[in-house]
Protein backbone atom coordinates (compact mmCIF):
# COMPACT_ATOMS: atom_id res chain seq x y z
CA MET A 1 116.01 -216.79 -74.76
CA ARG A 2 112.92 -217.62 -72.20
CA LEU A 3 113.75 -217.49 -68.41
CA LEU A 4 109.83 -218.26 -67.55
CA GLY A 5 108.88 -220.56 -70.31
CA SER A 6 105.48 -220.16 -71.52
CA GLY A 7 101.99 -222.00 -70.90
CA PRO A 8 101.37 -223.33 -67.40
CA ARG A 9 104.58 -223.11 -66.29
CA ARG A 10 104.65 -219.42 -66.75
CA TRP A 11 101.21 -218.87 -65.01
CA ARG A 12 102.55 -220.95 -62.16
CA TRP A 13 105.61 -218.28 -61.58
CA LEU A 14 103.09 -215.57 -61.89
CA VAL A 15 100.91 -216.75 -59.07
CA LEU A 16 104.01 -217.34 -56.94
CA ALA A 17 104.96 -214.16 -57.34
CA VAL A 18 101.68 -212.49 -56.16
CA GLY A 19 101.37 -214.78 -53.37
CA MET A 20 104.75 -213.46 -52.22
CA MET A 21 103.80 -210.31 -52.54
CA THR A 22 100.68 -210.47 -50.68
CA VAL A 23 102.42 -212.04 -47.79
CA GLY A 24 105.04 -209.66 -47.84
CA GLY A 25 102.50 -206.83 -47.69
CA LEU A 26 100.30 -208.20 -44.71
CA GLY A 27 103.83 -209.03 -42.72
CA GLY A 28 104.46 -205.14 -43.26
CA ILE A 29 100.89 -204.10 -42.08
CA LEU A 30 101.33 -206.43 -39.06
CA ALA A 31 104.77 -204.94 -38.29
CA MET A 32 103.37 -201.60 -38.55
CA GLU A 33 100.69 -202.35 -35.79
CA GLN A 34 103.20 -203.71 -33.63
CA MET A 35 105.21 -200.42 -33.85
CA ASP A 36 102.08 -198.67 -33.29
CA GLU A 37 102.36 -198.54 -29.27
CA ARG A 38 99.37 -195.78 -28.99
CA GLN A 39 96.75 -196.66 -26.89
CA GLY A 40 93.08 -195.33 -25.86
CA VAL A 41 93.27 -193.27 -22.85
CA LEU A 42 91.03 -190.80 -21.16
CA VAL A 43 91.48 -186.98 -21.27
CA ALA A 44 89.73 -183.81 -19.92
CA ASP A 45 87.54 -181.98 -22.40
CA SER A 46 87.62 -179.02 -20.36
CA ASP A 47 89.48 -177.57 -17.31
CA LEU A 48 88.40 -179.65 -14.20
CA SER A 49 89.39 -178.81 -10.43
CA ALA A 50 90.01 -180.82 -7.61
CA GLY A 51 86.61 -181.80 -5.97
CA HIS A 52 84.77 -181.83 -9.20
CA VAL A 53 82.58 -185.01 -9.76
CA VAL A 54 83.24 -186.37 -13.08
CA THR A 55 80.50 -186.57 -15.84
CA ALA A 56 80.60 -188.34 -19.27
CA GLN A 57 80.58 -184.80 -20.82
CA ASP A 58 83.89 -183.91 -18.95
CA LEU A 59 85.80 -186.76 -21.17
CA ARG A 60 87.06 -187.98 -24.32
CA VAL A 61 89.21 -190.81 -25.66
CA ALA A 62 92.52 -190.11 -27.22
CA ARG A 63 95.03 -192.39 -28.74
CA ILE A 64 98.50 -191.55 -27.50
CA ALA A 65 101.69 -193.20 -26.73
CA VAL A 66 102.01 -193.46 -23.05
CA ALA A 67 105.67 -193.36 -21.59
CA ASP A 68 106.36 -195.90 -18.86
CA GLY A 69 105.15 -194.93 -15.36
CA VAL A 70 102.88 -192.57 -16.60
CA SER A 71 99.67 -192.49 -14.61
CA TYR A 72 96.33 -192.90 -17.07
CA VAL A 73 93.13 -194.16 -16.97
CA ALA A 74 92.52 -196.43 -19.96
CA ALA A 75 89.50 -195.79 -22.47
CA GLU A 76 87.66 -198.67 -21.58
CA ARG A 77 86.97 -197.38 -17.88
CA LEU A 78 84.99 -194.52 -18.93
CA ASP A 79 82.01 -195.69 -17.02
CA GLU A 80 83.78 -196.76 -13.86
CA ALA A 81 85.49 -192.98 -13.95
CA VAL A 82 81.85 -191.30 -14.07
CA GLY A 83 80.86 -190.32 -10.90
CA GLN A 84 84.13 -190.37 -8.90
CA THR A 85 85.67 -187.03 -7.41
CA LEU A 86 89.07 -185.70 -8.59
CA THR A 87 91.41 -185.22 -6.01
CA LEU A 88 93.75 -183.38 -8.52
CA PRO A 89 92.78 -180.59 -11.03
CA VAL A 90 93.15 -181.58 -14.59
CA THR A 91 93.44 -179.05 -17.58
CA GLN A 92 91.83 -179.34 -20.85
CA GLY A 93 93.27 -181.66 -23.14
CA GLY A 94 95.49 -183.43 -20.27
CA VAL A 95 95.46 -187.05 -19.16
CA LEU A 96 93.27 -188.26 -16.82
CA PRO A 97 95.84 -189.95 -13.84
CA GLU A 98 94.64 -192.71 -11.98
CA VAL A 99 95.58 -191.33 -8.66
CA ALA A 100 92.86 -188.15 -9.56
CA LEU A 101 90.04 -190.39 -9.08
CA GLY A 102 88.69 -190.98 -5.76
CA ALA A 103 85.53 -191.16 -3.89
CA ASP A 104 83.45 -188.20 -2.14
CA ALA A 105 85.17 -189.53 1.22
CA GLU A 106 88.92 -188.86 -0.24
CA PHE A 107 88.48 -185.25 -0.84
CA PRO A 108 89.34 -182.96 0.51
CA GLU A 109 92.67 -185.16 1.40
CA GLN A 110 93.66 -185.24 5.00
CA ASP A 111 96.04 -182.28 4.77
CA ARG A 112 93.81 -180.19 2.94
CA ALA A 113 90.47 -177.86 3.73
CA VAL A 114 87.78 -176.33 1.37
CA VAL A 115 87.27 -172.55 2.39
CA GLY A 116 84.24 -170.60 1.26
CA VAL A 117 85.23 -166.55 0.31
CA ALA A 118 83.19 -163.86 -0.95
CA LEU A 119 85.19 -161.30 -2.80
CA ARG A 120 84.23 -158.09 -4.39
CA ALA A 121 85.51 -156.95 -7.98
CA GLY A 122 88.79 -155.81 -7.87
CA ARG A 123 89.93 -158.31 -5.49
CA PHE A 124 90.67 -160.95 -7.76
CA PRO A 125 91.60 -161.29 -11.25
CA SER A 126 88.58 -161.56 -13.88
CA SER A 127 90.20 -164.53 -15.46
CA MET A 128 90.14 -166.71 -12.48
CA VAL A 129 88.57 -169.87 -12.88
CA SER A 130 88.08 -173.75 -11.48
CA GLY A 131 91.38 -174.88 -11.04
CA THR A 132 93.31 -171.51 -11.00
CA ALA A 133 96.76 -171.82 -8.50
CA ALA A 134 96.14 -168.87 -6.38
CA SER A 135 97.82 -167.13 -3.74
CA VAL A 136 95.61 -165.60 -0.78
CA VAL A 137 96.63 -162.20 0.37
CA VAL A 138 95.65 -161.55 3.90
CA ASP A 139 95.94 -157.85 4.88
CA PRO A 140 96.84 -157.14 8.39
CA SER A 141 94.08 -156.67 10.77
CA ASP A 142 95.47 -153.08 12.03
CA GLY A 143 95.14 -151.64 8.65
CA SER A 144 99.01 -151.01 8.12
CA ASP A 145 100.53 -151.65 4.80
CA SER A 146 103.06 -154.02 5.71
CA GLY A 147 103.05 -157.64 7.27
CA ALA A 148 100.30 -158.97 4.79
CA GLN A 149 100.24 -162.88 5.02
CA VAL A 150 100.53 -165.12 2.04
CA TYR A 151 99.03 -168.31 1.34
CA ARG A 152 98.72 -170.81 -1.36
CA ALA A 153 95.41 -171.94 -2.58
CA LEU A 154 93.81 -174.12 -5.52
CA VAL A 155 90.47 -172.39 -6.85
CA ARG A 156 87.72 -175.16 -6.77
CA ASN A 157 84.77 -173.11 -7.90
CA VAL A 158 83.56 -169.70 -8.93
CA THR A 159 79.88 -168.51 -8.30
CA PRO A 160 79.24 -165.14 -9.73
CA SER A 161 76.81 -163.00 -7.35
CA THR A 162 73.22 -162.68 -8.27
CA ALA A 163 73.68 -158.70 -7.20
CA GLU A 164 75.31 -158.48 -10.85
CA ASP A 165 78.09 -156.32 -8.91
CA GLY A 166 81.26 -158.18 -10.37
CA SER A 167 81.61 -159.98 -6.89
CA VAL A 168 82.11 -163.71 -6.56
CA THR A 169 82.01 -166.44 -4.37
CA LEU A 170 84.90 -168.97 -4.27
CA GLU A 171 85.69 -172.21 -2.66
CA LEU A 172 89.61 -172.44 -2.09
CA VAL A 173 91.13 -175.82 -1.28
CA VAL A 174 93.89 -174.64 1.17
CA ALA A 175 96.43 -176.27 3.37
CA SER A 176 94.41 -177.25 6.83
CA ASN A 177 96.80 -175.29 9.02
CA ASP A 178 95.96 -171.97 7.17
CA ALA A 179 92.11 -172.57 6.68
CA ALA A 180 90.92 -170.86 10.22
CA ASP A 181 93.24 -168.05 9.52
CA ILE A 182 91.82 -167.57 5.86
CA ALA A 183 88.22 -167.98 6.70
CA SER A 184 88.31 -165.33 9.51
CA ALA A 185 90.15 -163.13 7.21
CA ALA A 186 87.55 -163.37 4.49
CA SER A 187 84.72 -162.82 6.83
CA ALA A 188 86.63 -159.33 7.81
CA GLU A 189 86.99 -158.79 3.97
CA ARG A 190 90.76 -158.55 4.21
CA ILE A 191 91.67 -161.10 1.47
CA SER A 192 92.65 -160.85 -2.23
CA LEU A 193 93.30 -163.61 -4.57
CA VAL A 194 96.51 -163.14 -7.21
CA GLN A 195 96.85 -165.97 -10.11
CA VAL A 196 99.88 -167.68 -9.89
CA ASN A 197 101.62 -170.26 -12.07
CA PRO A 198 100.72 -173.74 -10.43
CA ARG A 199 104.71 -174.56 -10.50
CA GLY A 200 105.88 -171.65 -9.07
CA GLY A 201 106.39 -170.26 -5.64
CA SER A 202 103.47 -168.03 -3.67
């Protein structure tokens, strides 16, 4: 008994079967594309500190699935991001959030100030780099061992001294209300920096 017959009729069945398989395959590809909700976003190619002016070398494109409510900058906005100032630090591999981009006039933020301090070796961890969260420990002016003040800060920039003695100059982003006290203590060489977890306390 012959189910498909022979001759032209059989070939028509084969062509129909191949056509159905092709349509099914295309349908599967389209379904997979619809299921892939990843999108191109900009991520930091290195640790970037608040106040940093973004360059094209600072960013790369990654395709990831972005959850609802997460702030990000789409890959096609790379040219727009270049030249803007970061109002927040972004760690290497981190997604560049929309809220981190601002103009020069928006940095520092209204309740923040940037303080420059010079520190001798031993007054700061050697691992301290731009974007590090830190506690600024201010020694008492009377030289006693008690009563030290502690302030929260973010390291914006680290510049080694030309004297090659291990000393550095740092730019710290601090609360506006703390800026004067920190600057005064720094000029008297009464401060030290301690690296802390960015989500922890002082």
